[in-house]
């Protein structure tokens, strides 16, 4: 990254000083420093990894199903359901299982899909956590984006209403 700073010389005239901040790679950045110094560009080095990245975390990792977030459940037919929850994903999955077992098709798109299509089963063991997001708006936006990206789903709704600009951005990614 090259940063340009404005400074004043001894005659109080503004002049541009250019500095480059580069990750240090032995043998490579030394040669770059010589080349840039000839063009009056100052070079500073930074480490590639910070100490915090090298040391192990002092916190126990939270299992993915015990977090809030966006998830995907697959059916044996190949279609999937994408959802989000502010509670633990594991808790929400248990609710889906209960609603499917009791036949509450009005409360759950998963229960409706299983009960209206014979021989369809949801694979609750292979839950894919798409994002561990605790904040509400990022979570519902991520759910909507995932629903937009996955055309082969049986969600009842498209989620949070997003601008059509998102559709263009998603279609370019593919």
Protein backbone atom coordinates (compact mmCIF):
# COMPACT_ATOMS: atom_id res chain seq x y z
CA UNK A 1 0.00 0.00 0.00
CA UNK A 2 1.41 3.39 -0.92
CA UNK A 3 0.42 6.36 1.17
CA UNK A 4 0.91 9.92 0.02
CA UNK A 5 1.47 12.58 2.64
CA UNK A 6 1.67 16.33 2.23
CA UNK A 7 4.47 18.13 4.02
CA UNK A 8 6.09 21.55 3.87
CA UNK A 9 9.73 22.22 3.04
CA UNK A 10 11.94 24.92 4.59
CA UNK A 11 10.44 27.62 2.30
CA UNK A 12 6.94 26.70 3.53
CA UNK A 13 5.99 25.23 0.13
CA UNK A 14 3.80 22.16 0.08
CA UNK A 15 5.45 19.06 -1.30
CA UNK A 16 4.34 15.47 -1.61
CA UNK A 17 6.18 12.75 0.28
CA UNK A 18 5.46 9.23 -0.78
CA UNK A 19 5.88 6.27 1.53
CA UNK A 20 5.27 2.62 0.83
CA UNK A 21 4.31 0.20 3.59
CA UNK A 22 5.15 -3.33 2.45
CA UNK A 23 4.92 -6.74 4.10
CA UNK A 24 8.44 -7.98 4.78
CA UNK A 25 9.48 -10.91 2.63
CA UNK A 26 13.20 -11.76 2.91
CA UNK A 27 15.08 -11.11 -0.33
CA UNK A 28 12.15 -9.57 -2.16
CA UNK A 29 11.27 -6.40 -0.28
CA UNK A 30 14.97 -5.50 0.14
CA UNK A 31 15.28 -5.22 -3.65
CA UNK A 32 12.02 -3.26 -3.84
CA UNK A 33 13.31 -0.85 -1.21
CA UNK A 34 16.43 -0.10 -3.29
CA UNK A 35 14.35 0.48 -6.44
CA UNK A 36 11.81 2.70 -4.67
CA UNK A 37 14.50 4.66 -2.80
CA UNK A 38 16.00 5.71 -6.15
CA UNK A 39 12.63 7.33 -6.94
CA UNK A 40 12.43 9.13 -3.56
CA UNK A 41 9.82 6.78 -2.16
CA UNK A 42 10.33 5.89 1.46
CA UNK A 43 9.75 2.26 2.42
CA UNK A 44 8.58 0.87 5.73
CA UNK A 45 8.11 -2.79 6.46
CA UNK A 46 5.35 -4.50 8.39
CA UNK A 47 5.07 -8.09 9.49
CA UNK A 48 2.93 -10.52 7.58
CA UNK A 49 1.52 -12.07 10.74
CA UNK A 50 0.81 -10.31 13.97
CA UNK A 51 1.64 -11.92 17.33
CA UNK A 52 -2.07 -12.32 18.06
CA UNK A 53 -2.44 -14.47 14.92
CA UNK A 54 0.44 -16.74 15.93
CA UNK A 55 -0.58 -17.33 19.56
CA UNK A 56 -3.47 -19.69 20.31
CA UNK A 57 -6.73 -18.17 21.50
CA UNK A 58 -7.37 -18.23 25.23
CA UNK A 59 -11.08 -18.86 24.66
CA UNK A 60 -12.69 -22.18 23.97
CA UNK A 61 -14.25 -22.26 20.50
CA UNK A 62 -18.04 -22.25 20.46
CA UNK A 63 -19.49 -25.17 18.47
CA UNK A 64 -21.01 -23.87 15.23
CA UNK A 65 -24.51 -25.17 16.01
CA UNK A 66 -24.62 -23.32 19.34
CA UNK A 67 -24.23 -19.92 17.66
CA UNK A 68 -26.68 -17.51 16.05
CA UNK A 69 -26.51 -17.25 12.30
CA UNK A 70 -27.51 -18.31 8.82
CA UNK A 71 -27.76 -21.99 7.90
CA UNK A 72 -28.73 -24.36 5.09
CA UNK A 73 -30.60 -27.66 5.38
CA UNK A 74 -30.60 -30.12 2.46
CA UNK A 75 -33.43 -32.43 1.43
CA UNK A 76 -32.92 -35.82 -0.20
CA UNK A 77 -34.47 -34.38 -3.39
CA UNK A 78 -31.54 -31.98 -3.78
CA UNK A 79 -33.40 -28.83 -2.77
CA UNK A 80 -32.40 -26.87 0.30
CA UNK A 81 -33.87 -24.54 2.89
CA UNK A 82 -31.95 -21.43 3.96
CA UNK A 83 -32.82 -19.81 7.27
CA UNK A 84 -31.53 -17.54 10.00
CA UNK A 85 -32.00 -17.45 13.74
CA UNK A 86 -31.16 -15.18 16.65
CA UNK A 87 -31.11 -18.21 18.96
CA UNK A 88 -28.79 -21.16 18.61
CA UNK A 89 -29.03 -22.95 15.27
CA UNK A 90 -29.33 -26.24 17.17
CA UNK A 91 -32.45 -24.95 18.99
CA UNK A 92 -34.05 -23.89 15.69
CA UNK A 93 -33.29 -27.29 14.11
CA UNK A 94 -35.05 -29.05 17.01
CA UNK A 95 -38.11 -26.86 16.35
CA UNK A 96 -38.10 -27.90 12.67
CA UNK A 97 -37.90 -31.55 13.68
CA UNK A 98 -40.83 -31.14 16.10
CA UNK A 99 -42.96 -29.24 13.54
CA UNK A 100 -42.24 -31.89 10.89
CA UNK A 101 -43.07 -34.73 13.29
CA UNK A 102 -46.34 -33.06 14.35
CA UNK A 103 -47.27 -32.05 10.79
CA UNK A 104 -47.41 -28.30 11.46
CA UNK A 105 -47.15 -27.33 7.80
CA UNK A 106 -48.47 -23.82 8.42
CA UNK A 107 -45.59 -23.01 10.80
CA UNK A 108 -42.68 -24.42 8.81
CA UNK A 109 -41.68 -24.56 5.15
CA UNK A 110 -39.60 -27.62 6.00
CA UNK A 111 -42.61 -29.47 7.46
CA UNK A 112 -44.70 -28.45 4.45
CA UNK A 113 -42.04 -29.69 2.00
CA UNK A 114 -41.69 -33.06 3.74
CA UNK A 115 -45.44 -33.64 4.11
CA UNK A 116 -46.43 -32.58 0.58
CA UNK A 117 -43.68 -34.63 -1.10
CA UNK A 118 -43.56 -38.32 -0.37
CA UNK A 119 -40.19 -39.92 0.40
CA UNK A 120 -38.52 -36.55 1.01
CA UNK A 121 -36.39 -36.33 4.12
CA UNK A 122 -34.33 -33.49 5.56
CA UNK A 123 -30.77 -34.43 6.47
CA UNK A 124 -30.54 -32.79 9.90
CA UNK A 125 -27.06 -34.26 10.44
CA UNK A 126 -25.54 -32.27 7.57
CA UNK A 127 -26.46 -28.72 8.56
CA UNK A 128 -24.31 -26.20 6.76
CA UNK A 129 -23.64 -23.07 8.79
CA UNK A 130 -23.23 -20.30 6.22
CA UNK A 131 -22.43 -17.49 8.64
CA UNK A 132 -22.11 -16.99 12.37
CA UNK A 133 -23.66 -13.55 12.70
CA UNK A 134 -25.00 -12.26 15.98
CA UNK A 135 -26.35 -8.88 14.83
CA UNK A 136 -29.87 -8.83 13.40
CA UNK A 137 -29.59 -6.80 10.17
CA UNK A 138 -26.37 -8.41 8.90
CA UNK A 139 -27.98 -11.79 9.61
CA UNK A 140 -31.21 -11.17 7.67
CA UNK A 141 -29.32 -9.55 4.80
CA UNK A 142 -26.97 -12.53 4.59
CA UNK A 143 -29.97 -14.89 4.59
CA UNK A 144 -31.57 -12.94 1.72
CA UNK A 145 -28.33 -13.00 -0.26
CA UNK A 146 -27.99 -16.76 0.21
CA UNK A 147 -31.61 -17.29 -0.90
CA UNK A 148 -30.91 -15.14 -3.98
CA UNK A 149 -27.77 -17.14 -4.79
CA UNK A 150 -29.44 -20.53 -4.39
CA UNK A 151 -32.23 -20.96 -6.94
CA UNK A 152 -32.85 -24.57 -5.89
CA UNK A 153 -34.52 -23.90 -2.53
CA UNK A 154 -37.98 -24.36 -1.08
CA UNK A 155 -38.12 -21.23 1.07
CA UNK A 156 -41.58 -19.66 1.19
CA UNK A 157 -40.21 -16.13 1.14
CA UNK A 158 -37.18 -14.40 -0.34
CA UNK A 159 -36.21 -12.92 3.02
CA UNK A 160 -35.39 -9.27 3.56
CA UNK A 161 -36.19 -7.11 0.51
CA UNK A 162 -32.89 -6.07 -1.05
CA UNK A 163 -32.08 -3.65 -3.85
CA UNK A 164 -31.70 -5.07 -7.37
CA UNK A 165 -28.07 -3.95 -7.23
CA UNK A 166 -27.43 -6.98 -5.05
CA UNK A 167 -28.74 -9.26 -7.82
CA UNK A 168 -26.22 -7.76 -10.24
CA UNK A 169 -23.38 -8.19 -7.76
CA UNK A 170 -24.33 -11.81 -7.06
CA UNK A 171 -24.68 -12.68 -10.77
CA UNK A 172 -21.16 -11.32 -11.43
CA UNK A 173 -19.72 -13.59 -8.71
CA UNK A 174 -20.94 -16.72 -10.46
